[in-house]
């Protein structure tokens, strides 16, 4: 799967049913040797992106449960 195919999808936490962000608005950690995505870092913002960053959530590729047409379902607690 190419980045262009998953960019723009909403990231949803499976346990909380909470929207964490949009993949196109995240930072990616890519393995330089293989070119595969290892994880993505979701910034947490206040006031609809106008405030300071509070914290970041790192989601590893292995935490992805399902990639659908409009969203990516993840399990943050999955090790």
Protein backbone atom coordinates (compact mmCIF):
# COMPACT_ATOMS: atom_id res chain seq x y z
CA UNK A 1 0.00 0.00 0.00
CA UNK A 2 1.34 3.43 -0.90
CA UNK A 3 1.25 6.50 1.33
CA UNK A 4 -0.93 8.28 -1.22
CA UNK A 5 -3.55 5.55 -0.74
CA UNK A 6 -3.79 6.01 3.04
CA UNK A 7 -3.15 9.74 3.30
CA UNK A 8 -6.20 11.73 4.37
CA UNK A 9 -7.82 8.87 6.30
CA UNK A 10 -9.06 9.53 9.83
CA UNK A 11 -7.30 7.65 12.63
CA UNK A 12 -9.74 6.15 15.14
CA UNK A 13 -8.89 4.58 18.52
CA UNK A 14 -10.76 1.26 18.69
CA UNK A 15 -11.18 1.15 22.49
CA UNK A 16 -12.35 4.73 22.99
CA UNK A 17 -14.08 5.26 19.66
CA UNK A 18 -12.17 8.53 19.54
CA UNK A 19 -10.83 10.39 16.51
CA UNK A 20 -7.09 10.96 16.97
CA UNK A 21 -6.36 12.85 13.78
CA UNK A 22 -5.89 12.53 10.04
CA UNK A 23 -2.97 10.61 8.59
CA UNK A 24 -2.00 13.49 6.29
CA UNK A 25 -1.47 15.70 9.36
CA UNK A 26 0.95 13.34 11.10
CA UNK A 27 4.68 12.78 11.05
CA UNK A 28 5.90 9.42 9.75
CA UNK A 29 8.81 7.31 10.94
CA UNK A 30 10.10 5.37 7.93
CA UNK A 31 12.69 2.59 7.88
CA UNK A 32 15.43 3.96 5.63
CA UNK A 33 16.52 0.53 4.41
CA UNK A 34 13.12 -0.93 3.49
CA UNK A 35 11.08 2.25 2.91
CA UNK A 36 8.29 0.86 5.11
CA UNK A 37 6.36 2.97 7.59
CA UNK A 38 7.30 1.97 11.15
CA UNK A 39 5.03 4.41 12.98
CA UNK A 40 3.27 7.72 12.76
CA UNK A 41 3.19 10.51 15.32
CA UNK A 42 -0.14 12.22 15.88
CA UNK A 43 0.09 15.73 17.39
CA UNK A 44 -2.56 16.63 19.97
CA UNK A 45 -3.68 20.25 19.65
CA UNK A 46 -6.00 22.50 21.64
CA UNK A 47 -8.55 24.85 20.14
CA UNK A 48 -8.82 23.14 16.76
CA UNK A 49 -5.12 23.41 15.95
CA UNK A 50 -4.67 27.00 17.13
CA UNK A 51 -3.12 26.28 20.53
CA UNK A 52 0.08 24.73 21.75
CA UNK A 53 0.86 21.06 21.40
CA UNK A 54 -0.07 19.17 24.55
CA UNK A 55 1.35 15.75 23.73
CA UNK A 56 1.98 13.43 20.85
CA UNK A 57 0.65 9.93 20.32
CA UNK A 58 2.94 7.45 18.57
CA UNK A 59 1.10 4.72 16.68
CA UNK A 60 3.17 1.76 15.50
CA UNK A 61 2.25 -0.09 12.32
CA UNK A 62 1.53 -3.26 14.33
CA UNK A 63 -1.21 -1.38 16.25
CA UNK A 64 -3.33 -0.96 13.12
CA UNK A 65 -6.36 -3.24 13.20
CA UNK A 66 -8.02 -2.28 9.91
CA UNK A 67 -7.55 0.20 7.08
CA UNK A 68 -10.90 1.05 5.52
CA UNK A 69 -12.03 3.37 2.74
CA UNK A 70 -12.26 6.44 5.02
CA UNK A 71 -10.48 5.55 8.25
CA UNK A 72 -7.75 3.62 10.00
CA UNK A 73 -8.79 1.73 13.13
CA UNK A 74 -6.00 1.33 15.69
CA UNK A 75 -5.57 -0.31 19.09
CA UNK A 76 -3.32 1.99 21.14
CA UNK A 77 -2.95 -0.59 23.93
CA UNK A 78 -1.83 -3.38 21.58
CA UNK A 79 1.81 -4.30 22.14
